[in-house]
Each structure stands twice: as C-alpha cells, then as structure tokens.
C-alpha cells in the first residue's frame, strides 16, 4: 500500500492479497492457475473495507482499447484492454453496471467500473482477516498479446511499481468528466431481517455461482438474514448479493 507508482484503484490504496502463483483459496507456491494479482482497498478501518465494493472505481492502468467485456462467468464482470507494445490488462470481478464497453478507446486512469465480487470471489485462506476476502480486483497482465486469448500472463507488480512501463498512446491525457467521480459514494441503503427486496440485476447470481432464474427477478422477497454484502432470502432459502437487489416497501 502506498508504494505503487501506478494505480488501478481510485483511492490509490491497493493492498496485495494474492499474487501470480497459487489461487487465493489454494496459495501453494507451485500452483500456476492464478493468472494475476488480487487487490483490496486498504482504507481507514474494517468498516470502510466492507463497503468498498460499492465505492471504489477500478482504473485503466494505461492508454488502450477495450478488446473484451465479459459479464458473468467464473471471472465475473471483466474488462480487457490492449495497450501499446502488445500488452493486455484484464480487470476482473467488477460490479454490474460497467462503465466501459468493447471497442472503447480509454486513457490511463479512466474509470472502467466499480470493484466488486461477481464471479467466484470466495476464499478459504486463513492468513488474512475476513474483510480482505471476497470483494477484490483481480488484475492480470499479458505480454506479446494481440487479442484476449493469446500471449503470456506475467506478474503485474512491475507495471505498478514502474519497473516496466506501458507506452502512452499519442493524444491528450484523460480527464475524468465531472459526472463520473473517481470514488462513488456508497448508497444510503442498509438491510435487516424482515425487509422486502426485489432481485433486479440482469446477470444476478446466487452466492454459489449459479445464475438466478428470470422467474425470480422483480418478485418481492423477504430478507431472512444479513451477511457481509449478501442477503439470505427466505422464500428461496438462498443467499444473494446485495448488489443485485433493491429494497422495496
């Protein structure tokens, strides 16, 4: 935290929780299945951390072109950007409501979406406090890449420290528009058992990773229990993400 020359979170408080080798739930050094680094936002308190999935923008590491946007799937909502020098960056697990779309030309520091927990974000690690698990940004970097599915995944950290540099694309520097704040204020919504909600997200999932059927959306349900960014819905006895519901009377 605070040692990176380049930033991918709007708060500039990236805290590394898992590196290139070994997945978060299986941090064995010889594992090669975690193609990137995971970050959470290290803020003032655990309470702040627990609210970061609603309030921290994910930023483009450098100028480039959005070559892929994935919604849902195990990687969650993902934006992939191709940069000068055939370098590709991938930003995973973003909240619904992405700012970027395929074909966009983006500048360094441009908000792409909000850090979230879409896809498979759970972890069984015991060496980190629970508030650091689940919601996070997975940042992947590929070298010698000309499109999303080719090239070689490499350690992203040198690109954050400035040891490796992605050349800027000619043109003016990016300035965030006034109506796109770098940090989005958390909505004034809290939940308690007995509240009523409707599932509204287009690609909503249960916390076990399964898609929520269309017939369950826009139906009034009762909150049975409240967890960390998740709600247990009484009528279907399943946990859903707070990000995918709206409170109703």
Protein backbone atom coordinates (compact mmCIF):
# COMPACT_ATOMS: atom_id res chain seq x y z
CA UNK A 1 0.00 0.00 0.00
CA UNK A 2 1.33 3.41 -0.98
CA UNK A 3 4.38 2.01 -2.77
CA UNK A 4 2.98 1.85 -6.30
CA UNK A 5 3.89 4.45 -8.90
CA UNK A 6 0.86 3.49 -10.99
CA UNK A 7 -2.59 2.86 -9.53
CA UNK A 8 -5.60 0.78 -10.55
CA UNK A 9 -7.91 1.79 -7.68
CA UNK A 10 -9.40 5.26 -7.42
CA UNK A 11 -8.36 5.52 -3.76
CA UNK A 12 -4.67 4.76 -4.52
CA UNK A 13 -4.76 2.31 -1.60
CA UNK A 14 -4.07 -1.01 -3.29
CA UNK A 15 -3.31 -3.84 -0.86
CA UNK A 16 -1.98 -7.04 -2.45
CA UNK A 17 -3.73 -10.15 -1.10
CA UNK A 18 -2.68 -12.78 -3.63
CA UNK A 19 -0.01 -12.95 -6.31
CA UNK A 20 0.52 -14.56 -9.69
CA UNK A 21 1.15 -18.13 -8.50
CA UNK A 22 -1.38 -20.05 -6.44
CA UNK A 23 -5.08 -19.21 -6.32
CA UNK A 24 -6.41 -17.34 -3.25
CA UNK A 25 -8.07 -20.45 -1.86
CA UNK A 26 -5.05 -22.62 -2.60
CA UNK A 27 -1.93 -20.48 -2.06
CA UNK A 28 0.54 -23.28 -2.81
CA UNK A 29 3.74 -21.84 -4.32
CA UNK A 30 3.86 -24.34 -7.19
CA UNK A 31 0.30 -23.66 -8.35
CA UNK A 32 0.12 -21.90 -11.73
CA UNK A 33 -3.62 -21.30 -12.01
CA UNK A 34 -3.93 -17.75 -10.69
CA UNK A 35 -3.06 -15.56 -13.65
CA UNK A 36 -2.71 -12.20 -11.99
CA UNK A 37 -2.67 -10.39 -8.66
CA UNK A 38 -5.56 -9.65 -6.31
CA UNK A 39 -6.03 -6.32 -4.57
CA UNK A 40 -8.40 -4.92 -1.99
CA UNK A 41 -8.71 -1.30 -0.96
CA UNK A 42 -6.85 -0.69 2.30
CA UNK A 43 -8.69 2.18 3.95
CA UNK A 44 -9.03 3.56 7.43
CA UNK A 45 -10.97 0.76 9.09
CA UNK A 46 -12.55 -2.62 8.61
CA UNK A 47 -15.92 -0.91 8.29
CA UNK A 48 -14.63 1.09 5.33
CA UNK A 49 -13.21 -2.05 3.75
CA UNK A 50 -16.55 -3.80 3.99
CA UNK A 51 -18.13 -1.00 1.95
CA UNK A 52 -15.51 -0.83 -0.80
CA UNK A 53 -17.46 -3.00 -3.29
CA UNK A 54 -19.92 -0.11 -3.58
CA UNK A 55 -17.47 2.74 -3.73
CA UNK A 56 -14.05 2.15 -5.33
CA UNK A 57 -13.58 2.64 -9.05
CA UNK A 58 -11.20 0.41 -10.99
CA UNK A 59 -8.95 2.45 -13.30
CA UNK A 60 -7.21 1.66 -16.58
CA UNK A 61 -3.51 1.09 -15.97
CA UNK A 62 -2.59 2.75 -19.28
CA UNK A 63 -4.00 4.04 -22.58
CA UNK A 64 -5.51 1.40 -24.80
CA UNK A 65 -8.53 -0.15 -26.50
CA UNK A 66 -11.16 -2.30 -24.80
CA UNK A 67 -10.98 -5.62 -26.68
CA UNK A 68 -13.26 -7.73 -24.48
CA UNK A 69 -16.06 -7.23 -21.98
CA UNK A 70 -17.31 -10.30 -20.11
CA UNK A 71 -20.45 -10.26 -17.97
CA UNK A 72 -20.94 -13.08 -15.52
CA UNK A 73 -18.99 -16.35 -15.88
CA UNK A 74 -16.48 -17.54 -13.26
CA UNK A 75 -14.26 -14.47 -13.77
CA UNK A 76 -17.17 -12.16 -13.07
CA UNK A 77 -17.65 -8.88 -14.91
CA UNK A 78 -14.36 -8.31 -16.72
CA UNK A 79 -12.81 -5.61 -18.90
CA UNK A 80 -9.72 -6.39 -21.03
CA UNK A 81 -7.64 -3.60 -22.59
CA UNK A 82 -5.00 -3.92 -25.30
CA UNK A 83 -2.15 -1.40 -24.96
CA UNK A 84 0.85 -0.20 -26.96
CA UNK A 85 3.53 -2.85 -27.33
CA UNK A 86 1.03 -5.74 -27.44
CA UNK A 87 0.36 -5.68 -23.71
CA UNK A 88 -3.06 -6.66 -22.43
CA UNK A 89 -4.52 -5.90 -19.00
CA UNK A 90 -7.56 -7.64 -17.54
CA UNK A 91 -9.72 -6.33 -14.67
CA UNK A 92 -11.98 -8.95 -13.09
CA UNK A 93 -14.89 -9.25 -10.63
CA UNK A 94 -16.29 -5.75 -11.30
CA UNK A 95 -19.75 -4.79 -10.13
CA UNK A 96 -22.71 -4.77 -12.50
CA UNK A 97 -23.04 -1.53 -14.43
CA UNK A 98 -19.65 -1.40 -16.17
CA UNK A 99 -18.55 1.99 -17.49
CA UNK A 100 -16.52 0.54 -20.39
CA UNK A 101 -17.76 -1.33 -23.45
CA UNK A 102 -15.98 -3.30 -26.16
CA UNK A 103 -14.32 -1.04 -28.72
CA UNK A 104 -13.89 1.93 -26.37
CA UNK A 105 -10.63 3.88 -26.55
CA UNK A 106 -9.61 4.54 -22.95
CA UNK A 107 -6.92 6.66 -21.35
CA UNK A 108 -4.71 5.95 -18.38
CA UNK A 109 -6.67 6.49 -15.16
CA UNK A 110 -10.08 6.20 -16.81
CA UNK A 111 -12.72 4.51 -14.59
CA UNK A 112 -13.80 1.14 -16.04
CA UNK A 113 -16.25 0.04 -13.36
CA UNK A 114 -16.55 -0.48 -9.61
CA UNK A 115 -14.58 -3.09 -7.67
CA UNK A 116 -16.94 -5.93 -6.75
CA UNK A 117 -17.42 -9.61 -6.13
CA UNK A 118 -19.01 -11.00 -9.29
CA UNK A 119 -17.91 -14.47 -10.35
CA UNK A 120 -16.07 -16.75 -7.96
CA UNK A 121 -14.59 -14.47 -5.30
CA UNK A 122 -14.75 -16.58 -2.16
CA UNK A 123 -11.58 -17.71 -0.46
CA UNK A 124 -10.58 -20.27 2.15
CA UNK A 125 -7.36 -18.51 3.13
CA UNK A 126 -6.79 -18.37 6.90
CA UNK A 127 -3.84 -15.96 6.92
CA UNK A 128 -5.91 -12.86 6.13
CA UNK A 129 -8.73 -11.21 8.01
CA UNK A 130 -12.20 -11.97 6.56
CA UNK A 131 -12.75 -8.38 5.47
CA UNK A 132 -9.91 -8.76 2.96
CA UNK A 133 -11.54 -11.73 1.24
CA UNK A 134 -14.30 -11.97 -1.32
CA UNK A 135 -14.63 -8.48 -2.82
CA UNK A 136 -11.46 -7.57 -4.69
CA UNK A 137 -9.90 -6.65 -8.01
CA UNK A 138 -8.08 -9.33 -9.99
CA UNK A 139 -5.55 -7.60 -12.25
CA UNK A 140 -3.95 -9.69 -14.98
CA UNK A 141 -1.26 -8.59 -17.44
CA UNK A 142 -0.31 -10.38 -20.67
CA UNK A 143 2.74 -9.69 -22.80
CA UNK A 144 3.08 -10.42 -26.54
CA UNK A 145 -0.69 -10.35 -26.83
CA UNK A 146 -2.65 -9.19 -29.85
CA UNK A 147 -6.09 -10.24 -28.61
CA UNK A 148 -7.73 -11.58 -25.47
CA UNK A 149 -6.85 -15.27 -25.81
CA UNK A 150 -3.17 -15.18 -26.79
CA UNK A 151 0.06 -14.05 -25.17
CA UNK A 152 1.64 -14.94 -21.83
CA UNK A 153 0.43 -13.94 -18.37
CA UNK A 154 3.13 -12.16 -16.36
CA UNK A 155 3.46 -10.66 -12.90
CA UNK A 156 1.52 -7.34 -12.87
CA UNK A 157 3.51 -5.82 -9.99
CA UNK A 158 6.42 -4.46 -12.11
CA UNK A 159 3.85 -2.48 -14.11
CA UNK A 160 2.54 -0.91 -10.89
CA UNK A 161 5.93 -0.09 -9.42
CA UNK A 162 7.24 1.44 -12.66
CA UNK A 163 9.86 -1.26 -13.24
CA UNK A 164 8.01 -1.95 -16.51
CA UNK A 165 6.21 0.76 -18.47
CA UNK A 166 3.35 0.68 -20.95
CA UNK A 167 3.91 3.42 -23.53
CA UNK A 168 1.18 6.05 -23.74
CA UNK A 169 -0.97 6.31 -26.81
CA UNK A 170 -0.47 9.68 -28.56
CA UNK A 171 -3.14 12.19 -27.62
CA UNK A 172 -4.38 14.27 -24.72
CA UNK A 173 -4.28 12.90 -21.19
CA UNK A 174 -7.55 11.60 -19.76
CA UNK A 175 -9.56 13.89 -17.50
CA UNK A 176 -12.49 12.23 -15.68
CA UNK A 177 -15.76 14.00 -16.54
CA UNK A 178 -17.49 15.85 -13.73
CA UNK A 179 -20.38 13.37 -13.67
CA UNK A 180 -18.06 10.36 -13.19
CA UNK A 181 -16.44 10.81 -9.75
CA UNK A 182 -13.30 8.80 -9.08
CA UNK A 183 -14.89 7.46 -5.88
CA UNK A 184 -18.59 6.67 -5.98
CA UNK A 185 -20.39 7.39 -2.72
CA UNK A 186 -21.99 4.31 -1.12
CA UNK A 187 -25.79 4.34 -1.44
CA UNK A 188 -27.69 5.07 1.76
CA UNK A 189 -29.24 1.61 1.88
CA UNK A 190 -28.95 -0.91 4.69
CA UNK A 191 -30.80 -4.17 5.21
CA UNK A 192 -32.27 -6.01 8.18
CA UNK A 193 -34.25 -9.23 8.61
CA UNK A 194 -37.83 -8.62 7.60
CA UNK A 195 -37.03 -6.11 4.85
CA UNK A 196 -38.51 -6.71 1.42
CA UNK A 197 -36.36 -6.76 -1.72
CA UNK A 198 -36.55 -7.49 -5.42
CA UNK A 199 -33.77 -9.06 -7.49
CA UNK A 200 -33.12 -6.68 -10.36
CA UNK A 201 -29.64 -7.34 -11.80
CA UNK A 202 -29.64 -8.61 -15.37
CA UNK A 203 -26.94 -11.23 -14.69
CA UNK A 204 -27.61 -11.88 -10.98
CA UNK A 205 -26.13 -15.00 -9.36
CA UNK A 206 -26.66 -16.85 -6.13
CA UNK A 207 -23.56 -16.84 -3.93
CA UNK A 208 -22.86 -20.43 -5.02
CA UNK A 209 -22.20 -19.12 -8.54
CA UNK A 210 -25.43 -20.30 -10.16
CA UNK A 211 -27.48 -17.84 -12.20
CA UNK A 212 -30.74 -16.68 -10.66
CA UNK A 213 -33.62 -17.74 -12.96
CA UNK A 214 -35.52 -14.99 -14.72
CA UNK A 215 -38.73 -16.02 -12.94
CA UNK A 216 -37.18 -14.96 -9.61
CA UNK A 217 -36.43 -11.42 -10.72
CA UNK A 218 -38.70 -8.49 -9.92
CA UNK A 219 -40.53 -10.65 -7.37
CA UNK A 220 -40.99 -9.36 -3.81
CA UNK A 221 -38.96 -11.41 -1.33
CA UNK A 222 -38.27 -11.28 2.40
CA UNK A 223 -34.78 -10.88 3.88
CA UNK A 224 -34.24 -13.66 6.42
CA UNK A 225 -30.63 -12.93 7.38
CA UNK A 226 -27.97 -10.33 6.55
CA UNK A 227 -24.35 -11.25 5.85
CA UNK A 228 -21.33 -9.34 4.55
CA UNK A 229 -22.59 -7.88 1.26
CA UNK A 230 -25.05 -10.78 0.96
CA UNK A 231 -28.66 -11.47 1.97
CA UNK A 232 -30.43 -14.75 2.76
CA UNK A 233 -33.82 -14.69 1.00
CA UNK A 234 -36.50 -16.52 2.98
CA UNK A 235 -38.78 -17.70 0.16
CA UNK A 236 -35.99 -19.37 -1.83
CA UNK A 237 -33.63 -20.11 1.11
CA UNK A 238 -30.64 -18.85 -0.88
CA UNK A 239 -28.01 -16.18 -0.43
CA UNK A 240 -27.85 -13.38 -3.00
CA UNK A 241 -25.54 -10.39 -3.39
CA UNK A 242 -26.73 -7.01 -2.08
CA UNK A 243 -25.50 -5.50 -5.34
CA UNK A 244 -28.16 -7.48 -7.22
CA UNK A 245 -31.23 -6.36 -5.24
CA UNK A 246 -33.24 -3.24 -4.43
CA UNK A 247 -35.21 -2.58 -1.25
CA UNK A 248 -38.97 -2.26 -1.68
CA UNK A 249 -41.85 -1.41 0.65
